[in-house]
Amino acid sequence: MTKTRLLLGAMALVFAGLTLPVAASASTPSALKDPRRAEVVERLAHQRARIDRASRIGAISLRRAHVLHAEDRAIRKQERAYAANQGGVITPHQQRVLNTEENAVSRQIAK
């Protein structure tokens, strides 16, 4: 019985982790009002899904997936900080900076 509960709990966490990007972007309506922020948030959600998929099929290790997720979280935190200093929007230059960082993570996923 305990093993079954642990397994079900682990499965619930995995499922919650897989649906988190959609929920996270939907729960930030201010990000969706600014098209530049919306693009960054959507791209981060897509990259999270790519990392999860690569981890599931064994293309990357769980440790590597954890590192890549941490990098994505840092980019999201930076995007929020930019927006907080600009009244809820990010500048085109800030978007280019974030895209450059996302490109680096994307290349790491593809390796």
PDB file of N, CA and C in Angstrom:
ATOM      1  N   MET A   1       0.821  -1.193   0.000  1.00  0.00           N
ATOM      2  CA  MET A   1       0.000   0.000   0.000  1.00  0.00           C
ATOM      3  C   MET A   1       0.862   1.252   0.000  1.00  0.00           C
ATOM      4  N   THR A   2       1.934   1.270   0.765  1.00  0.00           N
ATOM      5  CA  THR A   2       2.801   2.440   0.837  1.00  0.00           C
ATOM      6  C   THR A   2       3.509   2.667  -0.492  1.00  0.00           C
ATOM      7  N   LYS A   3       3.982   1.584  -1.114  1.00  0.00           N
ATOM      8  CA  LYS A   3       4.648   1.724  -2.405  1.00  0.00           C
ATOM      9  C   LYS A   3       3.690   2.280  -3.451  1.00  0.00           C
ATOM     10  N   THR A   4       2.440   1.840  -3.396  1.00  0.00           N
ATOM     11  CA  THR A   4       1.449   2.319  -4.345  1.00  0.00           C
ATOM     12  C   THR A   4       1.213   3.809  -4.156  1.00  0.00           C
ATOM     13  N   ARG A   5       1.112   4.239  -2.911  1.00  0.00           N
ATOM     14  CA  ARG A   5       0.912   5.665  -2.634  1.00  0.00           C
ATOM     15  C   ARG A   5       2.109   6.481  -3.097  1.00  0.00           C
ATOM     16  N   LEU A   6       3.294   5.969  -2.864  1.00  0.00           N
ATOM     17  CA  LEU A   6       4.494   6.680  -3.305  1.00  0.00           C
ATOM     18  C   LEU A   6       4.526   6.791  -4.824  1.00  0.00           C
ATOM     19  N   LEU A   7       4.191   5.699  -5.484  1.00  0.00           N
ATOM     20  CA  LEU A   7       4.174   5.699  -6.939  1.00  0.00           C
ATOM     21  C   LEU A   7       3.137   6.680  -7.468  1.00  0.00           C
ATOM     22  N   LEU A   8       1.952   6.662  -6.894  1.00  0.00           N
ATOM     23  CA  LEU A   8       0.907   7.589  -7.326  1.00  0.00           C
ATOM     24  C   LEU A   8       1.312   9.036  -7.048  1.00  0.00           C
ATOM     25  N   GLY A   9       1.937   9.277  -5.910  1.00  0.00           N
ATOM     26  CA  GLY A   9       2.411  10.617  -5.589  1.00  0.00           C
ATOM     27  C   GLY A   9       3.473  11.088  -6.561  1.00  0.00           C
ATOM     28  N   ALA A  10       4.398  10.188  -6.892  1.00  0.00           N
ATOM     29  CA  ALA A  10       5.449  10.538  -7.851  1.00  0.00           C
ATOM     30  C   ALA A  10       4.854  10.819  -9.226  1.00  0.00           C
ATOM     31  N   MET A  11       3.893  10.011  -9.615  1.00  0.00           N
ATOM     32  CA  MET A  11       3.242  10.224 -10.909  1.00  0.00           C
ATOM     33  C   MET A  11       2.505  11.561 -10.923  1.00  0.00           C
ATOM     34  N   ALA A  12       1.877  11.906  -9.822  1.00  0.00           N
ATOM     35  CA  ALA A  12       1.170  13.187  -9.733  1.00  0.00           C
ATOM     36  C   ALA A  12       2.145  14.353  -9.859  1.00  0.00           C
ATOM     37  N   LEU A  13       3.308  14.224  -9.224  1.00  0.00           N
ATOM     38  CA  LEU A  13       4.316  15.284  -9.322  1.00  0.00           C
ATOM     39  C   LEU A  13       4.843  15.422 -10.740  1.00  0.00           C
ATOM     40  N   VAL A  14       5.085  14.297 -11.391  1.00  0.00           N
ATOM     41  CA  VAL A  14       5.556  14.334 -12.773  1.00  0.00           C
ATOM     42  C   VAL A  14       4.503  14.988 -13.655  1.00  0.00           C
ATOM     43  N   PHE A  15       3.250  14.579 -13.484  1.00  0.00           N
ATOM     44  CA  PHE A  15       2.177  15.163 -14.288  1.00  0.00           C
ATOM     45  C   PHE A  15       2.063  16.654 -14.015  1.00  0.00           C
ATOM     46  N   ALA A  16       2.144  17.051 -12.767  1.00  0.00           N
ATOM     47  CA  ALA A  16       2.062  18.472 -12.415  1.00  0.00           C
ATOM     48  C   ALA A  16       3.226  19.234 -13.042  1.00  0.00           C
ATOM     49  N   GLY A  17       4.392  18.632 -13.049  1.00  0.00           N
ATOM     50  CA  GLY A  17       5.557  19.272 -13.651  1.00  0.00           C
ATOM     51  C   GLY A  17       5.414  19.438 -15.148  1.00  0.00           C
ATOM     52  N   LEU A  18       4.749  18.479 -15.798  1.00  0.00           N
ATOM     53  CA  LEU A  18       4.565  18.561 -17.239  1.00  0.00           C
ATOM     54  C   LEU A  18       3.526  19.600 -17.615  1.00  0.00           C
ATOM     55  N   THR A  19       2.564  19.861 -16.746  1.00  0.00           N
ATOM     56  CA  THR A  19       1.539  20.839 -17.062  1.00  0.00           C
ATOM     57  C   THR A  19       1.865  22.211 -16.495  1.00  0.00           C
ATOM     58  N   LEU A  20       2.907  22.337 -15.726  1.00  0.00           N
ATOM     59  CA  LEU A  20       3.263  23.602 -15.101  1.00  0.00           C
ATOM     60  C   LEU A  20       3.511  24.726 -16.089  1.00  0.00           C
ATOM     61  N   PRO A  21       4.213  24.522 -17.211  1.00  0.00           N
ATOM     62  CA  PRO A  21       4.456  25.639 -18.113  1.00  0.00           C
ATOM     63  C   PRO A  21       3.178  26.299 -18.605  1.00  0.00           C
ATOM     64  N   VAL A  22       2.173  25.526 -18.929  1.00  0.00           N
ATOM     65  CA  VAL A  22       0.917  26.095 -19.384  1.00  0.00           C
ATOM     66  C   VAL A  22       0.257  26.872 -18.262  1.00  0.00           C
ATOM     67  N   ALA A  23       0.230  26.290 -17.068  1.00  0.00           N
ATOM     68  CA  ALA A  23      -0.381  26.956 -15.939  1.00  0.00           C
ATOM     69  C   ALA A  23       0.388  28.210 -15.565  1.00  0.00           C
ATOM     70  N   ALA A  24       1.694  28.162 -15.645  1.00  0.00           N
ATOM     71  CA  ALA A  24       2.501  29.318 -15.267  1.00  0.00           C
ATOM     72  C   ALA A  24       2.261  30.476 -16.222  1.00  0.00           C
ATOM     73  N   SER A  25       2.205  30.208 -17.524  1.00  0.00           N
ATOM     74  CA  SER A  25       2.003  31.301 -18.461  1.00  0.00           C
ATOM     75  C   SER A  25       0.570  31.826 -18.383  1.00  0.00           C
ATOM     76  N   ALA A  26      -0.380  30.962 -18.079  1.00  0.00           N
ATOM     77  CA  ALA A  26      -1.763  31.411 -17.961  1.00  0.00           C
ATOM     78  C   ALA A  26      -1.985  32.216 -16.690  1.00  0.00           C
ATOM     79  N   SER A  27      -1.167  31.984 -15.673  1.00  0.00           N
ATOM     80  CA  SER A  27      -1.364  32.680 -14.407  1.00  0.00           C
ATOM     81  C   SER A  27      -0.642  34.019 -14.373  1.00  0.00           C
ATOM     82  N   THR A  28      -0.023  34.422 -15.460  1.00  0.00           N
ATOM     83  CA  THR A  28       0.671  35.700 -15.505  1.00  0.00           C
ATOM     84  C   THR A  28       0.056  36.571 -16.594  1.00  0.00           C
ATOM     85  N   PRO A  29      -1.159  37.075 -16.361  1.00  0.00           N
ATOM     86  CA  PRO A  29      -1.826  37.857 -17.396  1.00  0.00           C
ATOM     87  C   PRO A  29      -1.064  39.133 -17.755  1.00  0.00           C
ATOM     88  N   SER A  30      -0.316  39.704 -16.813  1.00  0.00           N
ATOM     89  CA  SER A  30       0.441  40.913 -17.134  1.00  0.00           C
ATOM     90  C   SER A  30       1.508  40.623 -18.178  1.00  0.00           C
ATOM     91  N   ALA A  31       2.078  39.425 -18.133  1.00  0.00           N
ATOM     92  CA  ALA A  31       3.081  39.054 -19.128  1.00  0.00           C
ATOM     93  C   ALA A  31       2.436  38.916 -20.504  1.00  0.00           C
ATOM     94  N   LEU A  32       1.190  38.493 -20.537  1.00  0.00           N
ATOM     95  CA  LEU A  32       0.527  38.281 -21.816  1.00  0.00           C
ATOM     96  C   LEU A  32       0.071  39.589 -22.449  1.00  0.00           C
ATOM     97  N   LYS A  33      -0.007  40.668 -21.673  1.00  0.00           N
ATOM     98  CA  LYS A  33      -0.396  41.959 -22.225  1.00  0.00           C
ATOM     99  C   LYS A  33       0.726  42.576 -23.052  1.00  0.00           C
ATOM    100  N   ASP A  34       1.941  42.295 -22.709  1.00  0.00           N
ATOM    101  CA  ASP A  34       3.096  42.792 -23.455  1.00  0.00           C
ATOM    102  C   ASP A  34       3.528  41.695 -24.423  1.00  0.00           C
ATOM    103  N   PRO A  35       3.450  41.935 -25.726  1.00  0.00           N
ATOM    104  CA  PRO A  35       3.774  40.866 -26.680  1.00  0.00           C
ATOM    105  C   PRO A  35       5.213  40.354 -26.556  1.00  0.00           C
ATOM    106  N   ARG A  36       6.139  41.229 -26.196  1.00  0.00           N
ATOM    107  CA  ARG A  36       7.520  40.773 -26.040  1.00  0.00           C
ATOM    108  C   ARG A  36       7.643  39.827 -24.855  1.00  0.00           C
ATOM    109  N   ARG A  37       6.986  40.167 -23.735  1.00  0.00           N
ATOM    110  CA  ARG A  37       7.003  39.279 -22.571  1.00  0.00           C
ATOM    111  C   ARG A  37       6.287  37.974 -22.888  1.00  0.00           C
ATOM    112  N   ALA A  38       5.167  38.067 -23.584  1.00  0.00           N
ATOM    113  CA  ALA A  38       4.403  36.859 -23.926  1.00  0.00           C
ATOM    114  C   ALA A  38       5.247  35.903 -24.759  1.00  0.00           C
ATOM    115  N   GLU A  39       6.016  36.457 -25.689  1.00  0.00           N
ATOM    116  CA  GLU A  39       6.874  35.607 -26.519  1.00  0.00           C
ATOM    117  C   GLU A  39       7.940  34.908 -25.675  1.00  0.00           C
ATOM    118  N   VAL A  40       8.548  35.658 -24.764  1.00  0.00           N
ATOM    119  CA  VAL A  40       9.588  35.077 -23.904  1.00  0.00           C
ATOM    120  C   VAL A  40       8.997  33.969 -23.036  1.00  0.00           C
ATOM    121  N   VAL A  41       7.843  34.236 -22.420  1.00  0.00           N
ATOM    122  CA  VAL A  41       7.209  33.256 -21.531  1.00  0.00           C
ATOM    123  C   VAL A  41       6.800  32.015 -22.312  1.00  0.00           C
ATOM    124  N   GLU A  42       6.240  32.211 -23.502  1.00  0.00           N
ATOM    125  CA  GLU A  42       5.822  31.071 -24.320  1.00  0.00           C
ATOM    126  C   GLU A  42       7.034  30.230 -24.737  1.00  0.00           C
ATOM    127  N   ARG A  43       8.105  30.893 -25.085  1.00  0.00           N
ATOM    128  CA  ARG A  43       9.305  30.169 -25.495  1.00  0.00           C
ATOM    129  C   ARG A  43       9.890  29.372 -24.326  1.00  0.00           C
ATOM    130  N   LEU A  44       9.876  29.968 -23.137  1.00  0.00           N
ATOM    131  CA  LEU A  44      10.372  29.247 -21.962  1.00  0.00           C
ATOM    132  C   LEU A  44       9.522  28.003 -21.691  1.00  0.00           C
ATOM    133  N   ALA A  45       8.216  28.141 -21.844  1.00  0.00           N
ATOM    134  CA  ALA A  45       7.327  26.990 -21.642  1.00  0.00           C
ATOM    135  C   ALA A  45       7.634  25.888 -22.660  1.00  0.00           C
ATOM    136  N   HIS A  46       7.877  26.291 -23.898  1.00  0.00           N
ATOM    137  CA  HIS A  46       8.208  25.317 -24.943  1.00  0.00           C
ATOM    138  C   HIS A  46       9.536  24.624 -24.614  1.00  0.00           C
ATOM    139  N   GLN A  47      10.507  25.394 -24.139  1.00  0.00           N
ATOM    140  CA  GLN A  47      11.801  24.797 -23.800  1.00  0.00           C
ATOM    141  C   GLN A  47      11.681  23.844 -22.618  1.00  0.00           C
ATOM    142  N   ARG A  48      10.829  24.199 -21.642  1.00  0.00           N
ATOM    143  CA  ARG A  48      10.624  23.277 -20.519  1.00  0.00           C
ATOM    144  C   ARG A  48      10.084  21.947 -21.021  1.00  0.00           C
ATOM    145  N   ALA A  49       9.161  22.008 -21.957  1.00  0.00           N
ATOM    146  CA  ALA A  49       8.598  20.777 -22.517  1.00  0.00           C
ATOM    147  C   ALA A  49       9.669  19.991 -23.276  1.00  0.00           C
ATOM    148  N   ARG A  50      10.531  20.678 -24.012  1.00  0.00           N
ATOM    149  CA  ARG A  50      11.622  20.003 -24.733  1.00  0.00           C
ATOM    150  C   ARG A  50      12.577  19.315 -23.767  1.00  0.00           C
ATOM    151  N   ILE A  51      12.889  19.997 -22.669  1.00  0.00           N
ATOM    152  CA  ILE A  51      13.786  19.405 -21.670  1.00  0.00           C
ATOM    153  C   ILE A  51      13.150  18.154 -21.086  1.00  0.00           C
ATOM    154  N   ASP A  52      11.875  18.254 -20.718  1.00  0.00           N
ATOM    155  CA  ASP A  52      11.180  17.092 -20.150  1.00  0.00           C
ATOM    156  C   ASP A  52      11.144  15.930 -21.135  1.00  0.00           C
ATOM    157  N   ARG A  53      10.862  16.233 -22.392  1.00  0.00           N
ATOM    158  CA  ARG A  53      10.800  15.193 -23.419  1.00  0.00           C
ATOM    159  C   ARG A  53      12.168  14.540 -23.621  1.00  0.00           C
ATOM    160  N   ALA A  54      13.220  15.357 -23.683  1.00  0.00           N
ATOM    161  CA  ALA A  54      14.576  14.821 -23.869  1.00  0.00           C
ATOM    162  C   ALA A  54      14.984  13.958 -22.679  1.00  0.00           C
ATOM    163  N   SER A  55      14.573  14.359 -21.498  1.00  0.00           N
ATOM    164  CA  SER A  55      14.881  13.580 -20.299  1.00  0.00           C
ATOM    165  C   SER A  55      14.129  12.252 -20.307  1.00  0.00           C
ATOM    166  N   ARG A  56      12.862  12.296 -20.716  1.00  0.00           N
ATOM    167  CA  ARG A  56      12.042  11.076 -20.745  1.00  0.00           C
ATOM    168  C   ARG A  56      12.599  10.036 -21.707  1.00  0.00           C
ATOM    169  N   ILE A  57      13.082  10.472 -22.858  1.00  0.00           N
ATOM    170  CA  ILE A  57      13.569   9.506 -23.842  1.00  0.00           C
ATOM    171  C   ILE A  57      15.030   9.139 -23.617  1.00  0.00           C
ATOM    172  N   GLY A  58      15.651   9.773 -22.635  1.00  0.00           N
ATOM    173  CA  GLY A  58      17.026   9.435 -22.298  1.00  0.00           C
ATOM    174  C   GLY A  58      18.078  10.185 -23.083  1.00  0.00           C
ATOM    175  N   ALA A  59      17.671  11.213 -23.826  1.00  0.00           N
ATOM    176  CA  ALA A  59      18.637  11.998 -24.595  1.00  0.00           C
ATOM    177  C   ALA A  59      19.516  12.842 -23.681  1.00  0.00           C
ATOM    178  N   ILE A  60      18.966  13.232 -22.526  1.00  0.00           N
ATOM    179  CA  ILE A  60      19.757  13.936 -21.515  1.00  0.00           C
ATOM    180  C   ILE A  60      19.484  13.288 -20.170  1.00  0.00           C
ATOM    181  N   SER A  61      20.435  13.411 -19.272  1.00  0.00           N
ATOM    182  CA  SER A  61      20.275  12.819 -17.942  1.00  0.00           C
ATOM    183  C   SER A  61      19.341  13.675 -17.087  1.00  0.00           C
ATOM    184  N   LEU A  62      18.866  13.089 -16.014  1.00  0.00           N
ATOM    185  CA  LEU A  62      18.014  13.845 -15.091  1.00  0.00           C
ATOM    186  C   LEU A  62      18.776  15.011 -14.486  1.00  0.00           C
ATOM    187  N   ARG A  63      20.046  14.798 -14.204  1.00  0.00           N
ATOM    188  CA  ARG A  63      20.874  15.879 -13.649  1.00  0.00           C
ATOM    189  C   ARG A  63      20.976  17.034 -14.646  1.00  0.00           C
ATOM    190  N   ARG A  64      21.215  16.698 -15.916  1.00  0.00           N
ATOM    191  CA  ARG A  64      21.324  17.736 -16.948  1.00  0.00           C
ATOM    192  C   ARG A  64      19.991  18.462 -17.109  1.00  0.00           C
ATOM    193  N   ALA A  65      18.893  17.717 -17.053  1.00  0.00           N
ATOM    194  CA  ALA A  65      17.563  18.326 -17.151  1.00  0.00           C
ATOM    195  C   ALA A  65      17.352  19.312 -16.000  1.00  0.00           C
ATOM    196  N   HIS A  66      17.789  18.923 -14.820  1.00  0.00           N
ATOM    197  CA  HIS A  66      17.654  19.803 -13.654  1.00  0.00           C
ATOM    198  C   HIS A  66      18.431  21.106 -13.869  1.00  0.00           C
ATOM    199  N   VAL A  67      19.635  21.001 -14.389  1.00  0.00           N
ATOM    200  CA  VAL A  67      20.465  22.183 -14.650  1.00  0.00           C
ATOM    201  C   VAL A  67      19.800  23.080 -15.695  1.00  0.00           C
ATOM    202  N   LEU A  68      19.285  22.476 -16.759  1.00  0.00           N
ATOM    203  CA  LEU A  68      18.631  23.259 -17.805  1.00  0.00           C
ATOM    204  C   LEU A  68      17.366  23.935 -17.297  1.00  0.00           C
ATOM    205  N   HIS A  69      16.602  23.237 -16.472  1.00  0.00           N
ATOM    206  CA  HIS A  69      15.417  23.851 -15.862  1.00  0.00           C
ATOM    207  C   HIS A  69      15.821  25.034 -14.983  1.00  0.00           C
ATOM    208  N   ALA A  70      16.902  24.897 -14.258  1.00  0.00           N
ATOM    209  CA  ALA A  70      17.384  25.991 -13.409  1.00  0.00           C
ATOM    210  C   ALA A  70      17.767  27.200 -14.263  1.00  0.00           C
ATOM    211  N   GLU A  71      18.399  26.958 -15.398  1.00  0.00           N
ATOM    212  CA  GLU A  71      18.754  28.055 -16.296  1.00  0.00           C
ATOM    213  C   GLU A  71      17.499  28.738 -16.832  1.00  0.00           C
ATOM    214  N   ASP A  72      16.491  27.966 -17.187  1.00  0.00           N
ATOM    215  CA  ASP A  72      15.227  28.546 -17.651  1.00  0.00           C
ATOM    216  C   ASP A  72      14.561  29.373 -16.551  1.00  0.00           C
ATOM    217  N   ARG A  73      14.593  28.861 -15.317  1.00  0.00           N
ATOM    218  CA  ARG A  73      14.006  29.623 -14.206  1.00  0.00           C
ATOM    219  C   ARG A  73      14.740  30.950 -14.002  1.00  0.00           C
ATOM    220  N   ALA A  74      16.049  30.938 -14.178  1.00  0.00           N
ATOM    221  CA  ALA A  74      16.838  32.162 -14.033  1.00  0.00           C
ATOM    222  C   ALA A  74      16.464  33.173 -15.129  1.00  0.00           C
ATOM    223  N   ILE A  75      16.232  32.685 -16.335  1.00  0.00           N
ATOM    224  CA  ILE A  75      15.817  33.573 -17.423  1.00  0.00           C
ATOM    225  C   ILE A  75      14.451  34.174 -17.112  1.00  0.00           C
ATOM    226  N   ARG A  76      13.536  33.354 -16.620  1.00  0.00           N
ATOM    227  CA  ARG A  76      12.188  33.841 -16.258  1.00  0.00           C
ATOM    228  C   ARG A  76      12.283  34.877 -15.140  1.00  0.00           C
ATOM    229  N   LYS A  77      13.141  34.633 -14.180  1.00  0.00           N
ATOM    230  CA  LYS A  77      13.326  35.588 -13.080  1.00  0.00           C
ATOM    231  C   LYS A  77      13.873  36.906 -13.618  1.00  0.00           C
ATOM    232  N   GLN A  78      14.808  36.821 -14.544  1.00  0.00           N
ATOM    233  CA  GLN A  78      15.374  38.021 -15.151  1.00  0.00           C
ATOM    234  C   GLN A  78      14.304  38.780 -15.940  1.00  0.00           C
ATOM    235  N   GLU A  79      13.467  38.052 -16.668  1.00  0.00           N
ATOM    236  CA  GLU A  79      12.382  38.684 -17.437  1.00  0.00           C
ATOM    237  C   GLU A  79      11.441  39.434 -16.499  1.00  0.00           C
ATOM    238  N   ARG A  80      11.104  38.820 -15.382  1.00  0.00           N
ATOM    239  CA  ARG A  80      10.225  39.472 -14.405  1.00  0.00           C
ATOM    240  C   ARG A  80      10.880  40.715 -13.810  1.00  0.00           C
ATOM    241  N   ALA A  81      12.169  40.641 -13.548  1.00  0.00           N
ATOM    242  CA  ALA A  81      12.885  41.803 -12.997  1.00  0.00           C
ATOM    243  C   ALA A  81      12.906  42.947 -14.005  1.00  0.00           C
ATOM    244  N   TYR A  82      13.164  42.627 -15.266  1.00  0.00           N
ATOM    245  CA  TYR A  82      13.129  43.657 -16.307  1.00  0.00           C
ATOM    246  C   TYR A  82      11.762  44.337 -16.318  1.00  0.00           C
ATOM    247  N   ALA A  83      10.707  43.523 -16.313  1.00  0.00           N
ATOM    248  CA  ALA A  83       9.356  44.063 -16.389  1.00  0.00           C
ATOM    249  C   ALA A  83       9.010  44.892 -15.153  1.00  0.00           C
ATOM    250  N   ALA A  84       9.476  44.469 -14.009  1.00  0.00           N
ATOM    251  CA  ALA A  84       9.187  45.205 -12.779  1.00  0.00           C
ATOM    252  C   ALA A  84       9.796  46.605 -12.827  1.00  0.00           C
ATOM    253  N   ASN A  85      10.924  46.740 -13.492  1.00  0.00           N
ATOM    254  CA  ASN A  85      11.591  48.044 -13.595  1.00  0.00           C
ATOM    255  C   ASN A  85      11.055  48.893 -14.746  1.00  0.00           C
ATOM    256  N   GLN A  86      10.226  48.320 -15.601  1.00  0.00           N
ATOM    257  CA  GLN A  86       9.729  49.029 -16.784  1.00  0.00           C
ATOM    258  C   GLN A  86       8.201  49.143 -16.791  1.00  0.00           C
ATOM    259  N   GLY A  87       7.568  49.021 -15.662  1.00  0.00           N
ATOM    260  CA  GLY A  87       6.110  49.162 -15.616  1.00  0.00           C
ATOM    261  C   GLY A  87       5.357  48.016 -16.256  1.00  0.00           C
ATOM    262  N   GLY A  88       5.914  46.813 -16.207  1.00  0.00           N
ATOM    263  CA  GLY A  88       5.209  45.633 -16.712  1.00  0.00           C
ATOM    264  C   GLY A  88       5.547  45.249 -18.133  1.00  0.00           C
ATOM    265  N   VAL A  89       6.460  45.962 -18.763  1.00  0.00           N
ATOM    266  CA  VAL A  89       6.854  45.623 -20.129  1.00  0.00           C
ATOM    267  C   VAL A  89       8.372  45.458 -20.174  1.00  0.00           C
ATOM    268  N   ILE A  90       8.845  44.852 -21.250  1.00  0.00           N
ATOM    269  CA  ILE A  90      10.287  44.766 -21.467  1.00  0.00           C
ATOM    270  C   ILE A  90      10.614  45.475 -22.773  1.00  0.00           C
ATOM    271  N   THR A  91      11.807  46.011 -22.846  1.00  0.00           N
ATOM    272  CA  THR A  91      12.231  46.734 -24.038  1.00  0.00           C
ATOM    273  C   THR A  91      12.689  45.742 -25.109  1.00  0.00           C
ATOM    274  N   PRO A  92      12.764  46.191 -26.360  1.00  0.00           N
ATOM    275  CA  PRO A  92      13.279  45.300 -27.411  1.00  0.00           C
ATOM    276  C   PRO A  92      14.697  44.810 -27.106  1.00  0.00           C
ATOM    277  N   HIS A  93      15.526  45.675 -26.543  1.00  0.00           N
ATOM    278  CA  HIS A  93      16.886  45.253 -26.193  1.00  0.00           C
ATOM    279  C   HIS A  93      16.857  44.149 -25.131  1.00  0.00           C
ATOM    280  N   GLN A  94      16.020  44.317 -24.113  1.00  0.00           N
ATOM    281  CA  GLN A  94      15.910  43.293 -23.067  1.00  0.00           C
ATOM    282  C   GLN A  94      15.399  41.981 -23.645  1.00  0.00           C
ATOM    283  N   GLN A  95      14.469  42.059 -24.586  1.00  0.00           N
ATOM    284  CA  GLN A  95      13.972  40.845 -25.222  1.00  0.00           C
ATOM    285  C   GLN A  95      15.100  40.149 -25.988  1.00  0.00           C
ATOM    286  N   ARG A  96      15.942  40.920 -26.674  1.00  0.00           N
ATOM    287  CA  ARG A  96      17.073  40.318 -27.391  1.00  0.00           C
ATOM    288  C   ARG A  96      18.029  39.627 -26.426  1.00  0.00           C
ATOM    289  N   VAL A  97      18.275  40.248 -25.268  1.00  0.00           N
ATOM    290  CA  VAL A  97      19.147  39.640 -24.251  1.00  0.00           C
ATOM    291  C   VAL A  97      18.554  38.313 -23.791  1.00  0.00           C
ATOM    292  N   LEU A  98      17.257  38.315 -23.484  1.00  0.00           N
ATOM    293  CA  LEU A  98      16.591  37.091 -23.027  1.00  0.00           C
ATOM    294  C   LEU A  98      16.593  36.031 -24.125  1.00  0.00           C
ATOM    295  N   ASN A  99      16.351  36.439 -25.366  1.00  0.00           N
ATOM    296  CA  ASN A  99      16.374  35.481 -26.473  1.00  0.00           C
ATOM    297  C   ASN A  99      17.753  34.866 -26.657  1.00  0.00           C
ATOM    298  N   THR A 100      18.794  35.667 -26.484  1.00  0.00           N
ATOM    299  CA  THR A 100      20.156  35.143 -26.590  1.00  0.00           C
ATOM    300  C   THR A 100      20.393  34.078 -25.524  1.00  0.00           C
ATOM    301  N   GLU A 101      19.921  34.349 -24.312  1.00  0.00           N
ATOM    302  CA  GLU A 101      20.073  33.367 -23.233  1.00  0.00           C
ATOM    303  C   GLU A 101      19.256  32.115 -23.515  1.00  0.00           C
ATOM    304  N   GLU A 102      18.037  32.298 -24.035  1.00  0.00           N
ATOM    305  CA  GLU A 102      17.207  31.142 -24.379  1.00  0.00           C
ATOM    306  C   GLU A 102      17.840  30.329 -25.511  1.00  0.00           C
ATOM    307  N   ASN A 103      18.464  31.006 -26.458  1.00  0.00           N
ATOM    308  CA  ASN A 103      19.148  30.296 -27.554  1.00  0.00           C
ATOM    309  C   ASN A 103      20.261  29.403 -27.005  1.00  0.00           C
ATOM    310  N   ALA A 104      20.980  29.903 -26.005  1.00  0.00           N
ATOM    311  CA  ALA A 104      22.059  29.106 -25.411  1.00  0.00           C
ATOM    312  C   ALA A 104      21.495  27.845 -24.758  1.00  0.00           C
ATOM    313  N   VAL A 105      20.384  27.982 -24.043  1.00  0.00           N
ATOM    314  CA  VAL A 105      19.758  26.813 -23.414  1.00  0.00           C
ATOM    315  C   VAL A 105      19.244  25.862 -24.494  1.00  0.00           C
ATOM    316  N   SER A 106      18.661  26.422 -25.540  1.00  0.00           N
ATOM    317  CA  SER A 106      18.136  25.589 -26.623  1.00  0.00           C
ATOM    318  C   SER A 106      19.238  24.761 -27.269  1.00  0.00           C
ATOM    319  N   ARG A 107      20.397  25.372 -27.482  1.00  0.00           N
ATOM    320  CA  ARG A 107      21.523  24.624 -28.065  1.00  0.00           C
ATOM    321  C   ARG A 107      21.980  23.500 -27.130  1.00  0.00           C
ATOM    322  N   GLN A 108      21.931  23.757 -25.828  1.00  0.00           N
ATOM    323  CA  GLN A 108      22.326  22.719 -24.870  1.00  0.00           C
ATOM    324  C   GLN A 108      21.337  21.562 -24.901  1.00  0.00           C
ATOM    325  N   ILE A 109      20.063  21.841 -25.081  1.00  0.00           N
ATOM    326  CA  ILE A 109      19.067  20.781 -25.160  1.00  0.00           C
ATOM    327  C   ILE A 109      19.313  19.944 -26.412  1.00  0.00           C
ATOM    328  N   ALA A 110      19.640  20.611 -27.507  1.00  0.00           N
ATOM    329  CA  ALA A 110      19.808  19.919 -28.785  1.00  0.00           C
ATOM    330  C   ALA A 110      21.050  19.034 -28.828  1.00  0.00           C
ATOM    331  N   LYS A 111      22.050  19.351 -27.996  1.00  0.00           N
ATOM    332  CA  LYS A 111      23.304  18.558 -28.032  1.00  0.00           C
ATOM    333  C   LYS A 111      23.000  17.153 -27.729  1.00  0.00           C
TER     334      LYS A 111
END
